[in-house]
PDB file of N, CA and C in Angstrom:
ATOM      1  N   MET A   1       0.771  -1.270  -0.020  1.00  0.00           N
ATOM      2  CA  MET A   1      -0.075  -0.023  -0.012  1.00  0.00           C
ATOM      3  C   MET A   1       1.262   1.104  -0.304  1.00  0.00           C
ATOM      4  N   TRP A   2       1.830   1.675   1.038  1.00  0.00           N
ATOM      5  CA  TRP A   2       2.524   2.390   0.718  1.00  0.00           C
ATOM      6  C   TRP A   2       3.417   2.824  -0.443  1.00  0.00           C
ATOM      7  N   LYS A   3       3.831   1.320  -0.916  1.00  0.00           N
ATOM      8  CA  LYS A   3       4.803   1.554  -2.480  1.00  0.00           C
ATOM      9  C   LYS A   3       3.698   2.487  -3.373  1.00  0.00           C
ATOM     10  N   GLU A   4       2.583   1.779  -3.310  1.00  0.00           N
ATOM     11  CA  GLU A   4       1.424   2.246  -4.272  1.00  0.00           C
ATOM     12  C   GLU A   4       1.310   3.654  -4.009  1.00  0.00           C
ATOM     13  N   ASN A   5       1.337   4.298  -2.627  1.00  0.00           N
ATOM     14  CA  ASN A   5       0.723   5.889  -2.264  1.00  0.00           C
ATOM     15  C   ASN A   5       2.138   6.710  -2.632  1.00  0.00           C
ATOM     16  N   ILE A   6       3.321   6.157  -2.558  1.00  0.00           N
ATOM     17  CA  ILE A   6       4.614   6.624  -3.039  1.00  0.00           C
ATOM     18  C   ILE A   6       4.506   6.850  -5.111  1.00  0.00           C
ATOM     19  N   LEU A   7       4.473   5.298  -5.200  1.00  0.00           N
ATOM     20  CA  LEU A   7       4.691   5.518  -7.089  1.00  0.00           C
ATOM     21  C   LEU A   7       3.871   6.614  -7.723  1.00  0.00           C
ATOM     22  N   GLU A   8       2.394   6.593  -7.156  1.00  0.00           N
ATOM     23  CA  GLU A   8       1.321   7.803  -7.538  1.00  0.00           C
ATOM     24  C   GLU A   8       1.965   9.345  -7.138  1.00  0.00           C
ATOM     25  N   ASP A   9       2.201   9.429  -6.095  1.00  0.00           N
ATOM     26  CA  ASP A   9       3.055  10.757  -5.591  1.00  0.00           C
ATOM     27  C   ASP A   9       4.001  11.061  -6.739  1.00  0.00           C
ATOM     28  N   LEU A  10       4.915  10.221  -6.911  1.00  0.00           N
ATOM     29  CA  LEU A  10       6.281  10.370  -7.854  1.00  0.00           C
ATOM     30  C   LEU A  10       5.497  10.774  -9.283  1.00  0.00           C
ATOM     31  N   LYS A  11       4.808  10.037  -9.985  1.00  0.00           N
ATOM     32  CA  LYS A  11       4.025   9.889 -11.359  1.00  0.00           C
ATOM     33  C   LYS A  11       3.164  11.620 -10.875  1.00  0.00           C
ATOM     34  N   SER A  12       2.420  11.985  -9.863  1.00  0.00           N
ATOM     35  CA  SER A  12       2.038  12.955 -10.318  1.00  0.00           C
ATOM     36  C   SER A  12       3.007  14.330 -10.047  1.00  0.00           C
ATOM     37  N   GLU A  13       4.264  14.468  -9.386  1.00  0.00           N
ATOM     38  CA  GLU A  13       5.467  14.914  -9.144  1.00  0.00           C
ATOM     39  C   GLU A  13       4.418  15.537  -8.002  1.00  0.00           C
ATOM     40  N   GLU A  14       4.239  15.158  -7.205  1.00  0.00           N
ATOM     41  CA  GLU A  14       3.813  15.874  -5.622  1.00  0.00           C
ATOM     42  C   GLU A  14       5.061  15.633  -5.110  1.00  0.00           C
ATOM     43  N   ILE A  15       6.195  14.583  -5.001  1.00  0.00           N
ATOM     44  CA  ILE A  15       7.059  14.434  -4.289  1.00  0.00           C
ATOM     45  C   ILE A  15       8.101  13.978  -5.604  1.00  0.00           C
ATOM     46  N   GLU A  16       9.483  14.337  -5.326  1.00  0.00           N
ATOM     47  CA  GLU A  16      10.251  13.965  -6.338  1.00  0.00           C
ATOM     48  C   GLU A  16      11.687  14.168  -5.660  1.00  0.00           C
ATOM     49  N   PHE A  17      12.505  13.129  -5.881  1.00  0.00           N
ATOM     50  CA  PHE A  17      13.736  12.559  -5.633  1.00  0.00           C
ATOM     51  C   PHE A  17      15.068  12.361  -6.793  1.00  0.00           C
ATOM     52  N   GLU A  18      15.387  13.050  -6.426  1.00  0.00           N
ATOM     53  CA  GLU A  18      16.680  13.496  -7.738  1.00  0.00           C
ATOM     54  C   GLU A  18      17.202  12.302  -7.997  1.00  0.00           C
ATOM     55  N   LEU A  19      17.917  11.934  -6.177  1.00  0.00           N
ATOM     56  CA  LEU A  19      18.784  10.875  -6.273  1.00  0.00           C
ATOM     57  C   LEU A  19      18.151   9.521  -5.286  1.00  0.00           C
ATOM     58  N   VAL A  20      18.733   8.360  -5.403  1.00  0.00           N
ATOM     59  CA  VAL A  20      18.543   7.340  -4.851  1.00  0.00           C
ATOM     60  C   VAL A  20      18.436   7.698  -3.461  1.00  0.00           C
ATOM     61  N   GLY A  21      20.084   8.031  -2.739  1.00  0.00           N
ATOM     62  CA  GLY A  21      19.978   8.059  -1.354  1.00  0.00           C
ATOM     63  C   GLY A  21      19.292   9.215  -1.025  1.00  0.00           C
ATOM     64  N   LYS A  22      18.561  10.429  -1.438  1.00  0.00           N
ATOM     65  CA  LYS A  22      17.422  11.288  -0.843  1.00  0.00           C
ATOM     66  C   LYS A  22      16.364  10.656  -0.612  1.00  0.00           C
ATOM     67  N   PHE A  23      16.100   9.658  -1.401  1.00  0.00           N
ATOM     68  CA  PHE A  23      14.691   8.479  -1.270  1.00  0.00           C
ATOM     69  C   PHE A  23      15.169   7.375   0.101  1.00  0.00           C
ATOM     70  N   LEU A  24      15.959   7.293  -0.155  1.00  0.00           N
ATOM     71  CA  LEU A  24      16.469   5.998   0.964  1.00  0.00           C
ATOM     72  C   LEU A  24      16.353   6.906   2.686  1.00  0.00           C
ATOM     73  N   LEU A  25      17.227   8.090   2.041  1.00  0.00           N
ATOM     74  CA  LEU A  25      16.871   9.139   3.656  1.00  0.00           C
ATOM     75  C   LEU A  25      15.654   9.091   4.490  1.00  0.00           C
ATOM     76  N   GLU A  26      14.614   9.687   3.451  1.00  0.00           N
ATOM     77  CA  GLU A  26      13.455  10.221   3.511  1.00  0.00           C
ATOM     78  C   GLU A  26      12.625   8.853   4.128  1.00  0.00           C
ATOM     79  N   LEU A  27      12.956   7.481   3.423  1.00  0.00           N
ATOM     80  CA  LEU A  27      12.596   6.007   4.035  1.00  0.00           C
ATOM     81  C   LEU A  27      13.092   5.719   5.371  1.00  0.00           C
ATOM     82  N   LYS A  28      14.288   6.269   5.172  1.00  0.00           N
ATOM     83  CA  LYS A  28      14.922   5.856   6.861  1.00  0.00           C
ATOM     84  C   LYS A  28      14.210   6.508   7.647  1.00  0.00           C
ATOM     85  N   LYS A  29      13.777   8.140   7.348  1.00  0.00           N
ATOM     86  CA  LYS A  29      12.771   9.014   8.153  1.00  0.00           C
ATOM     87  C   LYS A  29      11.797   8.134   8.631  1.00  0.00           C
ATOM     88  N   LYS A  30      10.836   7.657   7.897  1.00  0.00           N
ATOM     89  CA  LYS A  30       9.689   7.290   7.919  1.00  0.00           C
ATOM     90  C   LYS A  30       9.373   5.860   8.791  1.00  0.00           C
ATOM     91  N   PHE A  31      10.297   5.211   8.604  1.00  0.00           N
ATOM     92  CA  PHE A  31      10.260   4.042   9.436  1.00  0.00           C
ATOM     93  C   PHE A  31      11.610   3.524  10.129  1.00  0.00           C
ATOM     94  N   GLY A  32      12.335   4.293  10.106  1.00  0.00           N
ATOM     95  CA  GLY A  32      13.590   4.514  11.513  1.00  0.00           C
ATOM     96  C   GLY A  32      14.055   2.949  11.523  1.00  0.00           C
ATOM     97  N   GLU A  33      15.122   3.208  12.840  1.00  0.00           N
ATOM     98  CA  GLU A  33      15.740   1.867  13.151  1.00  0.00           C
ATOM     99  C   GLU A  33      14.747   0.645  13.409  1.00  0.00           C
ATOM    100  N   GLU A  34      13.503   0.916  14.030  1.00  0.00           N
ATOM    101  CA  GLU A  34      12.681  -0.296  14.467  1.00  0.00           C
ATOM    102  C   GLU A  34      12.731  -1.303  13.413  1.00  0.00           C
ATOM    103  N   ASP A  35      12.497  -0.293  11.752  1.00  0.00           N
ATOM    104  CA  ASP A  35      11.988  -1.495  10.646  1.00  0.00           C
ATOM    105  C   ASP A  35      13.129  -2.198  10.407  1.00  0.00           C
ATOM    106  N   GLU A  36      14.413  -1.454  10.897  1.00  0.00           N
ATOM    107  CA  GLU A  36      16.041  -2.127  10.480  1.00  0.00           C
ATOM    108  C   GLU A  36      16.203  -3.177  11.483  1.00  0.00           C
ATOM    109  N   LYS A  37      15.522  -3.580  12.646  1.00  0.00           N
ATOM    110  CA  LYS A  37      15.420  -4.252  13.422  1.00  0.00           C
ATOM    111  C   LYS A  37      14.804  -5.466  13.106  1.00  0.00           C
ATOM    112  N   SER A  38      13.483  -5.183  12.658  1.00  0.00           N
ATOM    113  CA  SER A  38      12.921  -6.227  12.233  1.00  0.00           C
ATOM    114  C   SER A  38      13.220  -6.990  10.805  1.00  0.00           C
ATOM    115  N   VAL A  39      13.820  -6.091   9.829  1.00  0.00           N
ATOM    116  CA  VAL A  39      14.711  -7.055   8.843  1.00  0.00           C
ATOM    117  C   VAL A  39      15.431  -8.105   9.292  1.00  0.00           C
ATOM    118  N   LYS A  40      16.044  -7.448  10.495  1.00  0.00           N
ATOM    119  CA  LYS A  40      17.157  -8.396  11.189  1.00  0.00           C
ATOM    120  C   LYS A  40      16.361  -9.691  11.880  1.00  0.00           C
ATOM    121  N   VAL A  41      15.409  -9.385  12.242  1.00  0.00           N
ATOM    122  CA  VAL A  41      14.962 -10.173  12.877  1.00  0.00           C
ATOM    123  C   VAL A  41      14.321 -11.196  11.793  1.00  0.00           C
ATOM    124  N   ALA A  42      13.781 -11.361  10.753  1.00  0.00           N
ATOM    125  CA  ALA A  42      13.445 -11.641   9.875  1.00  0.00           C
ATOM    126  C   ALA A  42      14.254 -12.680   9.202  1.00  0.00           C
ATOM    127  N   LYS A  43      15.677 -11.789   8.920  1.00  0.00           N
ATOM    128  CA  LYS A  43      16.854 -13.115   8.124  1.00  0.00           C
ATOM    129  C   LYS A  43      17.104 -14.290   9.335  1.00  0.00           C
ATOM    130  N   LEU A  44      16.546 -13.613  10.453  1.00  0.00           N
ATOM    131  CA  LEU A  44      17.251 -14.672  11.659  1.00  0.00           C
ATOM    132  C   LEU A  44      16.592 -15.865  11.364  1.00  0.00           C
ATOM    133  N   LYS A  45      14.927 -15.571  11.703  1.00  0.00           N
ATOM    134  CA  LYS A  45      14.067 -16.738  11.622  1.00  0.00           C
ATOM    135  C   LYS A  45      14.552 -17.277  10.185  1.00  0.00           C
ATOM    136  N   ASN A  46      14.486 -16.980   9.114  1.00  0.00           N
ATOM    137  CA  ASN A  46      14.801 -17.494   7.880  1.00  0.00           C
ATOM    138  C   ASN A  46      15.971 -18.544   7.388  1.00  0.00           C
ATOM    139  N   VAL A  47      16.776 -18.304   8.523  1.00  0.00           N
ATOM    140  CA  VAL A  47      18.166 -18.970   8.514  1.00  0.00           C
ATOM    141  C   VAL A  47      17.911 -20.703   8.928  1.00  0.00           C
ATOM    142  N   GLU A  48      18.305 -21.747   8.390  1.00  0.00           N
ATOM    143  CA  GLU A  48      17.833 -22.999   8.481  1.00  0.00           C
ATOM    144  C   GLU A  48      18.541 -24.149   8.034  1.00  0.00           C
ATOM    145  N   GLN A  49      18.816 -25.172   8.844  1.00  0.00           N
ATOM    146  CA  GLN A  49      19.919 -26.338   8.961  1.00  0.00           C
ATOM    147  C   GLN A  49      20.022 -26.722   7.618  1.00  0.00           C
ATOM    148  N   LYS A  50      18.722 -27.167   7.203  1.00  0.00           N
ATOM    149  CA  LYS A  50      18.743 -28.156   6.031  1.00  0.00           C
ATOM    150  C   LYS A  50      19.894 -28.777   6.245  1.00  0.00           C
ATOM    151  N   GLY A  51      20.746 -29.275   5.239  1.00  0.00           N
ATOM    152  CA  GLY A  51      21.798 -30.282   5.361  1.00  0.00           C
ATOM    153  C   GLY A  51      23.035 -30.044   5.591  1.00  0.00           C
ATOM    154  N   ARG A  52      23.372 -28.819   6.261  1.00  0.00           N
ATOM    155  CA  ARG A  52      24.070 -28.545   7.023  1.00  0.00           C
ATOM    156  C   ARG A  52      24.403 -28.816   8.377  1.00  0.00           C
ATOM    157  N   ILE A  53      26.224 -29.471   8.043  1.00  0.00           N
ATOM    158  CA  ILE A  53      26.533 -29.255   9.610  1.00  0.00           C
ATOM    159  C   ILE A  53      26.141 -28.638  10.619  1.00  0.00           C
ATOM    160  N   MET A  54      26.253 -28.999  11.738  1.00  0.00           N
ATOM    161  CA  MET A  54      25.175 -28.391  12.729  1.00  0.00           C
ATOM    162  C   MET A  54      26.767 -27.204  12.833  1.00  0.00           C
ATOM    163  N   LYS A  55      27.850 -27.443  12.999  1.00  0.00           N
ATOM    164  CA  LYS A  55      29.295 -26.528  13.359  1.00  0.00           C
ATOM    165  C   LYS A  55      28.500 -25.313  12.078  1.00  0.00           C
ATOM    166  N   GLU A  56      28.113 -25.163  10.776  1.00  0.00           N
ATOM    167  CA  GLU A  56      27.873 -24.330   9.922  1.00  0.00           C
ATOM    168  C   GLU A  56      26.876 -23.686  10.385  1.00  0.00           C
ATOM    169  N   PHE A  57      25.679 -24.512  10.908  1.00  0.00           N
ATOM    170  CA  PHE A  57      24.236 -23.764  11.135  1.00  0.00           C
ATOM    171  C   PHE A  57      24.970 -23.133  12.434  1.00  0.00           C
ATOM    172  N   VAL A  58      25.913 -22.939  13.077  1.00  0.00           N
ATOM    173  CA  VAL A  58      25.558 -22.182  14.615  1.00  0.00           C
ATOM    174  C   VAL A  58      26.515 -21.259  14.176  1.00  0.00           C
ATOM    175  N   GLN A  59      27.183 -21.152  13.395  1.00  0.00           N
ATOM    176  CA  GLN A  59      28.244 -19.887  13.192  1.00  0.00           C
ATOM    177  C   GLN A  59      26.863 -18.808  12.572  1.00  0.00           C
ATOM    178  N   GLU A  60      26.350 -19.597  10.913  1.00  0.00           N
ATOM    179  CA  GLU A  60      25.509 -18.612  10.518  1.00  0.00           C
ATOM    180  C   GLU A  60      24.063 -18.016  11.469  1.00  0.00           C
ATOM    181  N   PHE A  61      23.678 -18.793  12.355  1.00  0.00           N
ATOM    182  CA  PHE A  61      22.713 -18.318  13.786  1.00  0.00           C
ATOM    183  C   PHE A  61      23.221 -17.281  14.458  1.00  0.00           C
ATOM    184  N   ARG A  62      24.163 -17.759  15.053  1.00  0.00           N
ATOM    185  CA  ARG A  62      25.450 -16.947  15.911  1.00  0.00           C
ATOM    186  C   ARG A  62      25.342 -15.380  14.877  1.00  0.00           C
ATOM    187  N   ARG A  63      25.609 -15.356  14.276  1.00  0.00           N
ATOM    188  CA  ARG A  63      26.114 -14.096  12.903  1.00  0.00           C
ATOM    189  C   ARG A  63      24.846 -13.413  12.924  1.00  0.00           C
ATOM    190  N   ARG A  64      23.829 -13.915  12.760  1.00  0.00           N
ATOM    191  CA  ARG A  64      22.008 -13.427  12.380  1.00  0.00           C
ATOM    192  C   ARG A  64      21.355 -12.580  14.224  1.00  0.00           C
ATOM    193  N   ALA A  65      21.851 -13.997  14.873  1.00  0.00           N
ATOM    194  CA  ALA A  65      21.384 -13.345  16.321  1.00  0.00           C
ATOM    195  C   ALA A  65      21.899 -12.159  16.766  1.00  0.00           C
ATOM    196  N   LYS A  66      23.203 -12.317  17.003  1.00  0.00           N
ATOM    197  CA  LYS A  66      23.782 -10.963  16.901  1.00  0.00           C
ATOM    198  C   LYS A  66      23.538  -9.786  16.308  1.00  0.00           C
ATOM    199  N   LYS A  67      23.207  -9.733  15.117  1.00  0.00           N
ATOM    200  CA  LYS A  67      22.926  -8.207  14.439  1.00  0.00           C
ATOM    201  C   LYS A  67      21.009  -7.930  14.450  1.00  0.00           C
ATOM    202  N   SER A  68      20.593  -9.190  15.305  1.00  0.00           N
ATOM    203  CA  SER A  68      19.168  -9.196  15.543  1.00  0.00           C
ATOM    204  C   SER A  68      18.901  -8.816  16.650  1.00  0.00           C
ATOM    205  N   GLU A  69      20.151  -8.559  17.460  1.00  0.00           N
ATOM    206  CA  GLU A  69      19.840  -8.610  19.198  1.00  0.00           C
ATOM    207  C   GLU A  69      19.130  -8.997  19.549  1.00  0.00           C
ATOM    208  N   TYR A  70      18.898 -10.770  18.870  1.00  0.00           N
ATOM    209  CA  TYR A  70      18.163 -11.629  19.958  1.00  0.00           C
ATOM    210  C   TYR A  70      19.297 -11.890  21.014  1.00  0.00           C
ATOM    211  N   GLU A  71      18.549 -12.314  21.975  1.00  0.00           N
ATOM    212  CA  GLU A  71      19.385 -13.000  23.223  1.00  0.00           C
ATOM    213  C   GLU A  71      18.618 -13.816  23.797  1.00  0.00           C
ATOM    214  N   GLY A  72      19.280 -14.656  25.017  1.00  0.00           N
ATOM    215  CA  GLY A  72      18.864 -15.445  25.987  1.00  0.00           C
ATOM    216  C   GLY A  72      18.046 -16.472  25.515  1.00  0.00           C
ATOM    217  N   ARG A  73      16.447 -16.878  26.222  1.00  0.00           N
ATOM    218  CA  ARG A  73      15.387 -17.866  25.763  1.00  0.00           C
ATOM    219  C   ARG A  73      15.005 -17.902  24.340  1.00  0.00           C
ATOM    220  N   ALA A  74      15.022 -16.308  23.590  1.00  0.00           N
ATOM    221  CA  ALA A  74      14.341 -16.141  22.410  1.00  0.00           C
ATOM    222  C   ALA A  74      15.121 -16.479  21.668  1.00  0.00           C
ATOM    223  N   SER A  75      16.916 -16.497  21.758  1.00  0.00           N
ATOM    224  CA  SER A  75      17.665 -16.929  20.845  1.00  0.00           C
ATOM    225  C   SER A  75      17.513 -18.605  20.489  1.00  0.00           C
ATOM    226  N   VAL A  76      17.533 -18.963  21.873  1.00  0.00           N
ATOM    227  CA  VAL A  76      17.477 -20.473  22.057  1.00  0.00           C
ATOM    228  C   VAL A  76      16.530 -21.190  21.204  1.00  0.00           C
ATOM    229  N   GLU A  77      15.027 -20.773  22.029  1.00  0.00           N
ATOM    230  CA  GLU A  77      13.818 -20.763  20.997  1.00  0.00           C
ATOM    231  C   GLU A  77      14.230 -20.915  19.338  1.00  0.00           C
ATOM    232  N   GLU A  78      14.482 -20.246  19.184  1.00  0.00           N
ATOM    233  CA  GLU A  78      14.555 -19.735  17.883  1.00  0.00           C
ATOM    234  C   GLU A  78      15.525 -21.044  16.864  1.00  0.00           C
ATOM    235  N   PHE A  79      16.702 -20.912  17.863  1.00  0.00           N
ATOM    236  CA  PHE A  79      17.863 -22.086  16.914  1.00  0.00           C
ATOM    237  C   PHE A  79      17.057 -23.215  16.764  1.00  0.00           C
ATOM    238  N   LYS A  80      16.574 -23.900  18.320  1.00  0.00           N
ATOM    239  CA  LYS A  80      15.878 -24.942  18.401  1.00  0.00           C
ATOM    240  C   LYS A  80      14.535 -24.916  17.257  1.00  0.00           C
ATOM    241  N   LYS A  81      13.872 -23.986  16.682  1.00  0.00           N
ATOM    242  CA  LYS A  81      12.805 -24.036  15.675  1.00  0.00           C
ATOM    243  C   LYS A  81      13.444 -24.329  14.470  1.00  0.00           C
ATOM    244  N   GLU A  82      14.583 -23.992  13.826  1.00  0.00           N
ATOM    245  CA  GLU A  82      15.016 -23.786  13.055  1.00  0.00           C
ATOM    246  C   GLU A  82      16.038 -25.232  12.408  1.00  0.00           C
ATOM    247  N   MET A  83      16.509 -25.692  13.479  1.00  0.00           N
ATOM    248  CA  MET A  83      17.572 -26.498  13.432  1.00  0.00           C
ATOM    249  C   MET A  83      16.688 -27.999  12.979  1.00  0.00           C
ATOM    250  N   ASN A  84      17.872 -28.931  12.763  1.00  0.00           N
ATOM    251  CA  ASN A  84      17.283 -30.032  11.613  1.00  0.00           C
ATOM    252  C   ASN A  84      16.398 -30.768  12.899  1.00  0.00           C
ATOM    253  N   ARG A  85      15.472 -31.422  12.147  1.00  0.00           N
ATOM    254  CA  ARG A  85      13.936 -32.304  13.047  1.00  0.00           C
ATOM    255  C   ARG A  85      14.457 -33.105  13.667  1.00  0.00           C
ATOM    256  N   VAL A  86      15.246 -33.967  13.083  1.00  0.00           N
ATOM    257  CA  VAL A  86      15.732 -35.484  13.456  1.00  0.00           C
ATOM    258  C   VAL A  86      16.700 -34.602  15.070  1.00  0.00           C
ATOM    259  N   ILE A  87      17.508 -34.245  14.774  1.00  0.00           N
ATOM    260  CA  ILE A  87      18.333 -33.421  16.215  1.00  0.00           C
ATOM    261  C   ILE A  87      17.748 -33.068  16.989  1.00  0.00           C
ATOM    262  N   ARG A  88      16.239 -31.966  16.743  1.00  0.00           N
ATOM    263  CA  ARG A  88      15.770 -31.694  17.871  1.00  0.00           C
ATOM    264  C   ARG A  88      15.421 -32.332  18.510  1.00  0.00           C
ATOM    265  N   ARG A  89      14.602 -33.758  17.528  1.00  0.00           N
ATOM    266  CA  ARG A  89      13.662 -34.569  18.429  1.00  0.00           C
ATOM    267  C   ARG A  89      14.918 -35.114  19.606  1.00  0.00           C
ATOM    268  N   LYS A  90      15.772 -35.506  18.801  1.00  0.00           N
ATOM    269  CA  LYS A  90      16.723 -36.204  20.209  1.00  0.00           C
ATOM    270  C   LYS A  90      17.380 -35.177  21.097  1.00  0.00           C
ATOM    271  N   LEU A  91      17.175 -34.126  20.849  1.00  0.00           N
ATOM    272  CA  LEU A  91      17.533 -33.251  22.300  1.00  0.00           C
ATOM    273  C   LEU A  91      16.436 -33.153  22.690  1.00  0.00           C
ATOM    274  N   ILE A  92      15.494 -33.427  22.376  1.00  0.00           N
ATOM    275  CA  ILE A  92      13.882 -33.434  23.729  1.00  0.00           C
ATOM    276  C   ILE A  92      13.966 -34.136  24.583  1.00  0.00           C
ATOM    277  N   GLU A  93      14.165 -35.485  24.141  1.00  0.00           N
ATOM    278  CA  GLU A  93      14.562 -37.035  24.909  1.00  0.00           C
ATOM    279  C   GLU A  93      15.617 -36.891  25.562  1.00  0.00           C
ATOM    280  N   VAL A  94      16.467 -36.423  25.531  1.00  0.00           N
ATOM    281  CA  VAL A  94      17.689 -36.062  26.206  1.00  0.00           C
ATOM    282  C   VAL A  94      17.303 -36.075  27.964  1.00  0.00           C
ATOM    283  N   LYS A  95      17.772 -36.779  28.934  1.00  0.00           N
ATOM    284  CA  LYS A  95      17.503 -36.668  30.651  1.00  0.00           C
ATOM    285  C   LYS A  95      17.568 -34.969  30.701  1.00  0.00           C
ATOM    286  N   ARG A  96      18.898 -34.182  30.331  1.00  0.00           N
ATOM    287  CA  ARG A  96      18.843 -32.772  30.583  1.00  0.00           C
ATOM    288  C   ARG A  96      19.317 -31.982  29.304  1.00  0.00           C
ATOM    289  N   PRO A  97      17.818 -31.721  28.626  1.00  0.00           N
ATOM    290  CA  PRO A  97      17.973 -30.930  27.106  1.00  0.00           C
ATOM    291  C   PRO A  97      18.679 -29.428  27.530  1.00  0.00           C
ATOM    292  N   PRO A  98      19.751 -29.621  26.184  1.00  0.00           N
ATOM    293  CA  PRO A  98      20.429 -27.723  26.583  1.00  0.00           C
ATOM    294  C   PRO A  98      19.842 -27.106  26.525  1.00  0.00           C
ATOM    295  N   THR A  99      20.289 -25.889  27.488  1.00  0.00           N
ATOM    296  CA  THR A  99      19.821 -24.626  27.695  1.00  0.00           C
ATOM    297  C   THR A  99      20.458 -23.769  26.945  1.00  0.00           C
ATOM    298  N   SER A 100      21.668 -23.780  26.255  1.00  0.00           N
ATOM    299  CA  SER A 100      21.893 -22.561  25.416  1.00  0.00           C
ATOM    300  C   SER A 100      22.582 -23.294  24.174  1.00  0.00           C
ATOM    301  N   ILE A 101      22.855 -22.308  23.218  1.00  0.00           N
ATOM    302  CA  ILE A 101      23.164 -22.829  22.149  1.00  0.00           C
ATOM    303  C   ILE A 101      24.471 -23.491  21.774  1.00  0.00           C
ATOM    304  N   GLU A 102      25.378 -23.326  22.797  1.00  0.00           N
ATOM    305  CA  GLU A 102      26.990 -23.894  23.047  1.00  0.00           C
ATOM    306  C   GLU A 102      26.828 -25.479  23.111  1.00  0.00           C
ATOM    307  N   GLN A 103      25.133 -25.696  24.238  1.00  0.00           N
ATOM    308  CA  GLN A 103      25.283 -26.975  25.055  1.00  0.00           C
ATOM    309  C   GLN A 103      24.928 -27.481  23.360  1.00  0.00           C
TER     310      GLN A 103
END
């Protein structure tokens, strides 16, 4: 909806951006830092282990978690959700399930 409104304004010449940088600055003013955090969280939620070994998955997850500012329990829960289903099931069955990504 926002995109359509901006495109209409640009066509009708109600607003004009000579440079892409000016447009991006205006965009950032409107949506600010919160939108950047949302994008980083979305990227974190899209990382999946799939067929990769756990070490690779852990490294990518950590990198994205740092950028998203996810910490503690929320980070661990997201990690478990995205790991390989077979591994996740085995971890649930152990007597003392891990409480951190390192474990």
